[in-house]
Amino acid sequence: MGASTGMEQGYNIASIEIDLLNLTDFIEDEIDWRNRWCLNYLLGSAARMLEIAIFKISMNLDFNCTLTCAQLKLDRAICKVNRLLERGKITEELADILLDKINQAYTDIEIVKNSL
């Protein structure tokens, strides 16, 4: 859908969305369901915000606020990963992988916002 907007931002946002959805699949393989549901909800919610941003691009509407909302969801996901680590529900190695991927998505969104 990102390519259908005809804008580079749409393609970049779609790429970030795919990365987040792939991350939720990775989490399903690595963390038991009791400890992953909130994290997957937050990441899925951020991905949905990105989908809304793509829709807004296609309608020629302002989408900056939607990107900021996605970043707020990612901030909450970072907090959740840190809580899981503190409680011993995930290993430090897994937390580092998750935090790296979430921070990368956050940074990629910031790059899109700065390109506006």
C-alpha atoms as a PDB file:
ATOM      1  CA  MET A   1       0.000   0.000   0.000  1.00  0.00           C
ATOM      2  CA  GLY A   2       2.891   2.365   0.660  1.00  0.00           C
ATOM      3  CA  ALA A   3       3.903   2.345  -2.998  1.00  0.00           C
ATOM      4  CA  SER A   4       0.342   3.211  -4.051  1.00  0.00           C
ATOM      5  CA  THR A   5       0.645   6.631  -2.406  1.00  0.00           C
ATOM      6  CA  GLY A   6       3.179   7.681  -5.000  1.00  0.00           C
ATOM      7  CA  MET A   7       5.339   9.230  -2.295  1.00  0.00           C
ATOM      8  CA  GLU A   8       8.627   8.069  -0.873  1.00  0.00           C
ATOM      9  CA  GLN A   9       7.291   8.572   2.671  1.00  0.00           C
ATOM     10  CA  GLY A  10       4.516   6.067   1.997  1.00  0.00           C
ATOM     11  CA  TYR A  11       7.010   3.440   0.927  1.00  0.00           C
ATOM     12  CA  ASN A  12       9.250   4.126   3.935  1.00  0.00           C
ATOM     13  CA  ILE A  13       6.337   3.953   6.371  1.00  0.00           C
ATOM     14  CA  ALA A  14       5.179   0.659   4.855  1.00  0.00           C
ATOM     15  CA  SER A  15       8.686  -0.735   5.289  1.00  0.00           C
ATOM     16  CA  ILE A  16       8.679   0.219   8.992  1.00  0.00           C
ATOM     17  CA  GLU A  17       5.245  -1.347   9.397  1.00  0.00           C
ATOM     18  CA  ILE A  18       6.473  -4.615   7.905  1.00  0.00           C
ATOM     19  CA  ASP A  19       9.462  -4.599  10.260  1.00  0.00           C
ATOM     20  CA  LEU A  20       7.148  -4.182  13.261  1.00  0.00           C
ATOM     21  CA  LEU A  21       4.860  -6.986  12.110  1.00  0.00           C
ATOM     22  CA  ASN A  22       7.891  -9.237  11.601  1.00  0.00           C
ATOM     23  CA  LEU A  23       9.000  -8.340  15.122  1.00  0.00           C
ATOM     24  CA  THR A  24       5.655  -9.471  16.535  1.00  0.00           C
ATOM     25  CA  ASP A  25       6.133 -12.821  14.763  1.00  0.00           C
ATOM     26  CA  PHE A  26       9.613 -13.098  16.267  1.00  0.00           C
ATOM     27  CA  ILE A  27       8.223 -12.352  19.729  1.00  0.00           C
ATOM     28  CA  GLU A  28       5.627 -15.101  19.368  1.00  0.00           C
ATOM     29  CA  ASP A  29       8.458 -17.579  18.850  1.00  0.00           C
ATOM     30  CA  GLU A  30      10.578 -16.294  21.736  1.00  0.00           C
ATOM     31  CA  ILE A  31       8.252 -15.278  24.592  1.00  0.00           C
ATOM     32  CA  ASP A  32       5.400 -17.263  26.154  1.00  0.00           C
ATOM     33  CA  TRP A  33       1.895 -15.927  25.582  1.00  0.00           C
ATOM     34  CA  ARG A  34       1.374 -14.585  29.121  1.00  0.00           C
ATOM     35  CA  ASN A  35       4.364 -12.306  28.846  1.00  0.00           C
ATOM     36  CA  ARG A  36       4.097 -11.285  25.201  1.00  0.00           C
ATOM     37  CA  TRP A  37       0.472 -10.235  24.749  1.00  0.00           C
ATOM     38  CA  CYS A  38       0.935  -6.644  25.957  1.00  0.00           C
ATOM     39  CA  LEU A  39       4.145  -6.179  23.988  1.00  0.00           C
ATOM     40  CA  ASN A  40       2.588  -7.556  20.813  1.00  0.00           C
ATOM     41  CA  TYR A  41      -0.472  -5.360  21.363  1.00  0.00           C
ATOM     42  CA  LEU A  42       1.704  -2.238  21.581  1.00  0.00           C
ATOM     43  CA  LEU A  43       3.741  -3.141  18.510  1.00  0.00           C
ATOM     44  CA  GLY A  44       0.602  -4.052  16.569  1.00  0.00           C
ATOM     45  CA  SER A  45      -0.954  -0.772  17.600  1.00  0.00           C
ATOM     46  CA  ALA A  46       2.099   1.123  16.349  1.00  0.00           C
ATOM     47  CA  ALA A  47       1.862  -0.787  13.058  1.00  0.00           C
ATOM     48  CA  ARG A  48      -1.808   0.193  12.755  1.00  0.00           C
ATOM     49  CA  MET A  49      -0.881   3.840  13.311  1.00  0.00           C
ATOM     50  CA  LEU A  50       1.569   3.532  10.441  1.00  0.00           C
ATOM     51  CA  GLU A  51      -1.163   2.021   8.284  1.00  0.00           C
ATOM     52  CA  ILE A  52      -3.359   5.017   9.116  1.00  0.00           C
ATOM     53  CA  ALA A  53      -0.489   7.339   8.176  1.00  0.00           C
ATOM     54  CA  ILE A  54      -0.251   5.662   4.772  1.00  0.00           C
ATOM     55  CA  PHE A  55      -3.986   6.119   4.306  1.00  0.00           C
ATOM     56  CA  LYS A  56      -3.677   9.794   5.252  1.00  0.00           C
ATOM     57  CA  ILE A  57      -0.865  10.233   2.743  1.00  0.00           C
ATOM     58  CA  SER A  58      -3.079   8.769   0.019  1.00  0.00           C
ATOM     59  CA  MET A  59      -5.827  11.230   0.987  1.00  0.00           C
ATOM     60  CA  ASN A  60      -3.361  14.143   1.028  1.00  0.00           C
ATOM     61  CA  LEU A  61      -3.948  14.735   4.760  1.00  0.00           C
ATOM     62  CA  ASP A  62      -1.487  15.671   7.490  1.00  0.00           C
ATOM     63  CA  PHE A  63      -0.039  12.480   8.977  1.00  0.00           C
ATOM     64  CA  ASN A  64       2.653  13.842  11.308  1.00  0.00           C
ATOM     65  CA  CYS A  65       0.479  13.390  14.422  1.00  0.00           C
ATOM     66  CA  THR A  66      -0.184   9.768  13.484  1.00  0.00           C
ATOM     67  CA  LEU A  67       3.539   9.089  13.237  1.00  0.00           C
ATOM     68  CA  THR A  68       4.050  10.668  16.656  1.00  0.00           C
ATOM     69  CA  CYS A  69       1.337   8.408  18.071  1.00  0.00           C
ATOM     70  CA  ALA A  70       3.152   5.379  16.630  1.00  0.00           C
ATOM     71  CA  GLN A  71       6.324   6.553  18.351  1.00  0.00           C
ATOM     72  CA  LEU A  72       4.475   6.842  21.659  1.00  0.00           C
ATOM     73  CA  LYS A  73       3.342   3.230  21.271  1.00  0.00           C
ATOM     74  CA  LEU A  74       6.949   2.239  20.653  1.00  0.00           C
ATOM     75  CA  ASP A  75       8.023   4.128  23.793  1.00  0.00           C
ATOM     76  CA  ARG A  76       5.536   2.055  25.782  1.00  0.00           C
ATOM     77  CA  ALA A  77       6.839  -1.125  24.131  1.00  0.00           C
ATOM     78  CA  ILE A  78      10.370  -0.216  25.239  1.00  0.00           C
ATOM     79  CA  CYS A  79       9.103   0.179  28.813  1.00  0.00           C
ATOM     80  CA  LYS A  80       7.408  -3.222  28.582  1.00  0.00           C
ATOM     81  CA  VAL A  81      10.608  -4.910  27.383  1.00  0.00           C
ATOM     82  CA  ASN A  82      12.498  -3.345  30.276  1.00  0.00           C
ATOM     83  CA  ARG A  83       9.868  -4.569  32.762  1.00  0.00           C
ATOM     84  CA  LEU A  84      10.022  -8.092  31.338  1.00  0.00           C
ATOM     85  CA  LEU A  85      13.799  -8.009  31.711  1.00  0.00           C
ATOM     86  CA  GLU A  86      13.624  -6.689  35.287  1.00  0.00           C
ATOM     87  CA  ARG A  87      11.178  -9.441  36.244  1.00  0.00           C
ATOM     88  CA  GLY A  88      13.351 -12.123  34.692  1.00  0.00           C
ATOM     89  CA  LYS A  89      10.760 -13.078  32.061  1.00  0.00           C
ATOM     90  CA  ILE A  90      13.214 -12.596  29.189  1.00  0.00           C
ATOM     91  CA  THR A  91      16.977 -12.811  28.880  1.00  0.00           C
ATOM     92  CA  GLU A  92      19.208  -9.792  28.517  1.00  0.00           C
ATOM     93  CA  GLU A  93      20.230 -10.992  25.066  1.00  0.00           C
ATOM     94  CA  LEU A  94      16.605 -11.144  23.922  1.00  0.00           C
ATOM     95  CA  ALA A  95      15.882  -7.736  25.496  1.00  0.00           C
ATOM     96  CA  ASP A  96      18.832  -6.230  23.606  1.00  0.00           C
ATOM     97  CA  ILE A  97      17.534  -7.636  20.310  1.00  0.00           C
ATOM     98  CA  LEU A  98      14.013  -6.339  20.962  1.00  0.00           C
ATOM     99  CA  LEU A  99      15.171  -2.926  22.127  1.00  0.00           C
ATOM    100  CA  ASP A 100      17.450  -2.588  19.107  1.00  0.00           C
ATOM    101  CA  LYS A 101      14.630  -3.362  16.665  1.00  0.00           C
ATOM    102  CA  ILE A 102      12.116  -1.130  18.439  1.00  0.00           C
ATOM    103  CA  ASN A 103      14.595   1.750  18.638  1.00  0.00           C
ATOM    104  CA  GLN A 104      15.381   1.293  14.941  1.00  0.00           C
ATOM    105  CA  ALA A 105      11.684   1.585  14.067  1.00  0.00           C
ATOM    106  CA  TYR A 106      11.428   4.692  16.261  1.00  0.00           C
ATOM    107  CA  THR A 107      14.437   6.249  14.520  1.00  0.00           C
ATOM    108  CA  ASP A 108      13.087   5.358  11.079  1.00  0.00           C
ATOM    109  CA  ILE A 109       9.807   7.082  11.909  1.00  0.00           C
ATOM    110  CA  GLU A 110      11.733  10.139  13.084  1.00  0.00           C
ATOM    111  CA  ILE A 111      13.595  10.208   9.757  1.00  0.00           C
ATOM    112  CA  VAL A 112      10.273  10.159   7.895  1.00  0.00           C
ATOM    113  CA  LYS A 113       8.953  12.982  10.088  1.00  0.00           C
ATOM    114  CA  ASN A 114      12.070  15.059   9.447  1.00  0.00           C
ATOM    115  CA  SER A 115      11.694  14.586   5.688  1.00  0.00           C
ATOM    116  CA  LEU A 116       8.322  16.353   5.666  1.00  0.00           C
END
